[in-house]
Amino acid sequence: MSDFALLVIAVSAFVAGHELMSHPLRAPLVKRLGAGGFALAYSIVAFATLGWAVSLWRAIPADRIWQAPPFAYALALVAMLFAAILFVGSVTAPNPALMGNAAASGGPRGVQRITRHPMMWSFAIWAAVHITVSGDGRTIVLASGILVLALYGASMQDRKKRAASPDYGAHEAVTGFMPFGAQISGRSRWATATPGWIALIGGIILWAGLLWGHPLVIGVPAIQIG
């Protein structure tokens, strides 16, 4: 079996393992292993499958299927800055969309006013950018798995939270699944779609760090023109 076929299997295992352990298998595993044991098992499965996929990605030679147009690289820079802001905002404030977190008094705040799934969308945007500008078969497979995992996982979070919390509907009513979805639909004013200073400044710092570190970790500049 080729490394490319194994990469497809590894990415599929990463996505399937995450979704199975996050949803249908979570309750029985927590009951059997306890919360700590489940967290350990979940981490082992996630890191093992992702590590397998990344090691295969590194072993497969780059094979560019298409060449992105020059303007795509400029758009990629902007999209990655947006993703970095969403990510920083998602880790600096509790997210009501996650199990165990309650909606903050006064409604959504920060990046939650842009999308109620800021972390998932940061991953999805990262994946979409890398699929578009890389044109590389191995990267397309790996990033596609992360894209599917992020967006499907976000939809499953909404479903689980609605079932667990009767108050979650009120949070959904004033937030959007898609970035700026609440503003586009008229459920929220555009003036509210601000990430906040912590997410904005932290996102810019993270974005700059990613651009600087990309050639050191991946071996190629983050933005390649031509």
Protein backbone atom coordinates (compact mmCIF):
# COMPACT_ATOMS: atom_id res chain seq x y z
CA MET A 1 0.00 0.00 0.00
CA SER A 2 1.35 3.43 -0.93
CA ASP A 3 2.13 6.13 1.60
CA PHE A 4 -0.56 8.29 0.01
CA ALA A 5 -3.21 5.60 0.58
CA LEU A 6 -1.99 5.23 4.16
CA LEU A 7 -2.28 9.00 4.58
CA VAL A 8 -5.93 8.83 3.54
CA ILE A 9 -6.47 6.05 6.10
CA ALA A 10 -4.62 7.95 8.84
CA VAL A 11 -6.58 11.17 8.26
CA SER A 12 -9.84 9.19 8.18
CA ALA A 13 -8.88 7.51 11.46
CA PHE A 14 -8.10 10.89 13.03
CA VAL A 15 -11.47 12.33 12.00
CA ALA A 16 -13.48 9.21 12.85
CA GLY A 17 -11.74 8.72 16.19
CA HIS A 18 -12.41 12.30 17.22
CA GLU A 19 -16.07 12.23 16.24
CA LEU A 20 -16.78 8.80 17.75
CA MET A 21 -15.09 9.62 21.05
CA SER A 22 -16.60 13.10 21.21
CA HIS A 23 -20.17 11.98 20.60
CA PRO A 24 -21.56 8.38 20.60
CA LEU A 25 -18.72 6.82 22.61
CA ARG A 26 -18.15 9.65 25.06
CA ALA A 27 -20.80 8.75 27.66
CA PRO A 28 -20.06 5.00 27.84
CA LEU A 29 -16.30 5.62 27.94
CA VAL A 30 -16.62 8.22 30.68
CA LYS A 31 -18.77 5.79 32.66
CA ARG A 32 -16.20 3.01 32.28
CA LEU A 33 -12.96 5.01 32.50
CA GLY A 34 -13.99 8.07 34.48
CA ALA A 35 -13.51 11.63 33.27
CA GLY A 36 -9.73 11.55 33.71
CA GLY A 37 -9.36 8.16 32.05
CA PHE A 38 -11.51 9.25 29.14
CA ALA A 39 -9.46 12.44 28.67
CA LEU A 40 -6.28 10.36 28.62
CA ALA A 41 -7.71 7.83 26.13
CA TYR A 42 -9.05 10.62 23.95
CA SER A 43 -5.67 12.37 23.91
CA ILE A 44 -3.82 9.16 23.06
CA VAL A 45 -6.11 8.39 20.12
CA ALA A 46 -6.02 11.98 18.83
CA PHE A 47 -2.26 12.41 19.05
CA ALA A 48 -1.52 8.91 17.73
CA THR A 49 -3.69 9.28 14.63
CA LEU A 50 -2.67 12.88 13.95
CA GLY A 51 1.00 12.03 14.50
CA TRP A 52 0.67 9.11 12.08
CA ALA A 53 -0.91 11.40 9.48
CA VAL A 54 1.73 14.11 9.89
CA SER A 55 4.60 11.60 9.65
CA LEU A 56 3.13 10.23 6.42
CA TRP A 57 2.63 13.78 5.12
CA ARG A 58 6.33 14.46 5.69
CA ALA A 59 7.33 11.21 3.95
CA ILE A 60 5.33 11.93 0.78
CA PRO A 61 7.05 14.20 -1.78
CA ALA A 62 5.22 17.42 -2.60
CA ASP A 63 3.23 17.11 -5.81
CA ARG A 64 1.59 20.35 -6.88
CA ILE A 65 -1.70 19.68 -8.67
CA TRP A 66 -2.46 23.32 -9.41
CA GLN A 67 -0.84 26.73 -9.09
CA ALA A 68 -2.89 29.26 -7.18
CA PRO A 69 -3.18 32.71 -8.82
CA PRO A 70 -1.09 35.52 -7.27
CA PHE A 71 -4.10 37.22 -5.64
CA ALA A 72 -4.84 34.02 -3.70
CA TYR A 73 -1.69 34.50 -1.62
CA ALA A 74 -2.75 38.00 -0.56
CA LEU A 75 -6.19 36.69 0.38
CA ALA A 76 -4.52 33.83 2.27
CA LEU A 77 -2.60 36.32 4.41
CA VAL A 78 -5.82 38.12 5.34
CA ALA A 79 -7.70 34.87 5.96
CA MET A 80 -4.95 33.53 8.22
CA LEU A 81 -4.93 36.77 10.22
CA PHE A 82 -8.69 36.40 10.70
CA ALA A 83 -8.20 32.75 11.74
CA ALA A 84 -5.51 33.74 14.24
CA ILE A 85 -7.80 36.38 15.79
CA LEU A 86 -10.62 33.85 16.09
CA PHE A 87 -8.29 31.30 17.68
CA VAL A 88 -6.89 33.68 20.28
CA GLY A 89 -10.40 34.90 21.07
CA SER A 90 -11.59 31.31 21.49
CA VAL A 91 -8.96 30.49 24.14
CA THR A 92 -9.19 33.75 26.10
CA ALA A 93 -12.90 33.57 26.96
CA PRO A 94 -15.18 30.62 27.89
CA ASN A 95 -17.25 29.47 24.92
CA PRO A 96 -20.95 28.75 25.65
CA ALA A 97 -20.99 26.32 22.68
CA LEU A 98 -18.77 23.89 24.59
CA MET A 99 -20.22 21.35 26.98
CA GLY A 100 -19.97 22.49 30.58
CA ASN A 101 -19.82 26.20 29.73
CA ALA A 102 -22.75 28.48 30.38
CA ALA A 103 -23.64 31.56 28.37
CA ALA A 104 -22.10 34.70 29.79
CA SER A 105 -24.42 37.27 31.34
CA GLY A 106 -25.00 40.06 28.87
CA GLY A 107 -24.81 37.77 25.87
CA PRO A 108 -21.94 36.67 23.63
CA ARG A 109 -18.70 38.57 23.81
CA GLY A 110 -15.60 39.03 21.72
CA VAL A 111 -15.22 36.67 18.79
CA GLN A 112 -18.39 34.82 19.84
CA ARG A 113 -20.26 37.76 18.31
CA ILE A 114 -18.58 36.92 14.99
CA THR A 115 -19.25 33.17 15.22
CA ARG A 116 -20.27 30.96 18.10
CA HIS A 117 -17.58 28.46 17.04
CA PRO A 118 -14.45 30.61 16.77
CA MET A 119 -11.91 27.83 17.37
CA MET A 120 -13.53 25.46 14.89
CA TRP A 121 -13.66 28.19 12.25
CA SER A 122 -10.01 29.08 12.87
CA PHE A 123 -9.14 25.47 12.01
CA ALA A 124 -11.51 25.44 9.04
CA ILE A 125 -10.04 28.64 7.61
CA TRP A 126 -6.51 27.30 8.10
CA ALA A 127 -7.49 24.16 6.20
CA ALA A 128 -9.21 26.02 3.37
CA VAL A 129 -6.23 28.35 2.93
CA HIS A 130 -3.76 25.47 2.76
CA ILE A 131 -5.91 23.52 0.32
CA THR A 132 -6.18 26.56 -1.95
CA VAL A 133 -2.63 27.87 -2.02
CA SER A 134 -0.66 24.64 -1.69
CA GLY A 135 -2.24 22.70 -4.56
CA ASP A 136 -0.37 19.75 -3.04
CA GLY A 137 -2.10 16.36 -2.93
CA ARG A 138 -0.78 15.32 0.48
CA THR A 139 -1.72 18.70 1.98
CA ILE A 140 -5.17 18.58 0.40
CA VAL A 141 -5.85 15.23 2.08
CA LEU A 142 -4.60 16.33 5.51
CA ALA A 143 -6.26 19.75 5.43
CA SER A 144 -9.54 18.33 4.10
CA GLY A 145 -9.74 16.04 7.10
CA ILE A 146 -9.25 18.97 9.46
CA LEU A 147 -11.82 21.03 7.52
CA VAL A 148 -14.45 18.28 7.79
CA LEU A 149 -13.64 17.69 11.44
CA ALA A 150 -13.92 21.38 12.32
CA LEU A 151 -17.24 22.11 10.62
CA TYR A 152 -18.94 18.80 11.37
CA GLY A 153 -17.67 18.98 14.94
CA ALA A 154 -19.11 22.47 15.31
CA SER A 155 -22.53 21.33 14.11
CA MET A 156 -22.44 18.39 16.54
CA GLN A 157 -21.54 20.75 19.38
CA ASP A 158 -24.68 22.75 18.65
CA ARG A 159 -26.80 19.59 18.59
CA LYS A 160 -25.42 18.30 21.88
CA LYS A 161 -25.68 21.66 23.59
CA ARG A 162 -29.31 22.11 22.50
CA ALA A 163 -30.16 18.71 23.96
CA ALA A 164 -28.32 19.41 27.22
CA SER A 165 -29.25 23.03 27.87
CA PRO A 166 -32.67 24.60 27.32
CA ASP A 167 -31.04 28.05 27.45
CA TYR A 168 -28.73 27.39 24.51
CA GLY A 169 -31.40 28.39 22.00
CA ALA A 170 -31.17 31.97 23.22
CA HIS A 171 -27.41 31.95 22.54
CA GLU A 172 -27.97 30.53 19.05
CA ALA A 173 -30.56 33.21 18.35
CA VAL A 174 -28.04 36.04 18.70
CA THR A 175 -24.97 34.30 17.24
CA GLY A 176 -24.12 32.78 13.87
CA PHE A 177 -22.73 29.40 12.92
CA MET A 178 -20.99 30.97 9.93
CA PRO A 179 -18.70 33.93 10.59
CA PHE A 180 -20.83 37.10 10.53
CA GLY A 181 -23.92 34.94 10.01
CA ALA A 182 -25.92 36.78 12.68
CA GLN A 183 -25.06 40.13 11.11
CA ILE A 184 -25.85 39.02 7.56
CA SER A 185 -29.21 37.61 8.66
CA GLY A 186 -30.06 40.78 10.55
CA ARG A 187 -30.18 39.08 13.96
CA SER A 188 -27.30 41.20 15.21
CA ARG A 189 -25.92 44.63 14.35
CA TRP A 190 -22.68 44.90 12.38
CA ALA A 191 -21.30 47.16 15.10
CA THR A 192 -21.24 44.16 17.44
CA ALA A 193 -18.90 42.13 15.19
CA THR A 194 -15.73 43.21 16.95
CA PRO A 195 -13.27 40.66 18.39
CA GLY A 196 -12.06 42.74 21.31
CA TRP A 197 -8.55 44.04 21.97
CA ILE A 198 -7.13 40.85 23.48
CA ALA A 199 -8.16 38.73 20.51
CA LEU A 200 -7.09 41.39 18.01
CA ILE A 201 -3.62 42.06 19.42
CA GLY A 202 -3.04 38.43 20.35
CA GLY A 203 -4.17 37.32 16.91
CA ILE A 204 -1.77 39.71 15.17
CA ILE A 205 1.10 38.41 17.32
CA LEU A 206 0.15 34.79 16.62
CA TRP A 207 -0.20 35.50 12.89
CA ALA A 208 3.23 37.13 12.75
CA GLY A 209 4.72 34.23 14.67
CA LEU A 210 3.19 31.72 12.28
CA LEU A 211 4.58 33.57 9.27
CA TRP A 212 8.02 33.71 10.88
CA GLY A 213 8.05 30.09 12.04
CA HIS A 214 6.52 28.46 8.97
CA PRO A 215 9.79 28.03 7.04
CA LEU A 216 11.56 26.80 10.16
CA VAL A 217 8.97 24.12 10.97
CA ILE A 218 7.56 23.21 7.54
CA GLY A 219 10.59 24.05 5.42
CA VAL A 220 8.93 26.48 3.02
CA PRO A 221 7.88 30.13 3.35
CA ALA A 222 4.28 30.66 4.44
CA ILE A 223 3.62 32.69 1.30
CA GLN A 224 5.14 31.62 -1.99
CA ILE A 225 4.58 33.73 -5.07
CA GLY A 226 5.31 32.30 -8.47
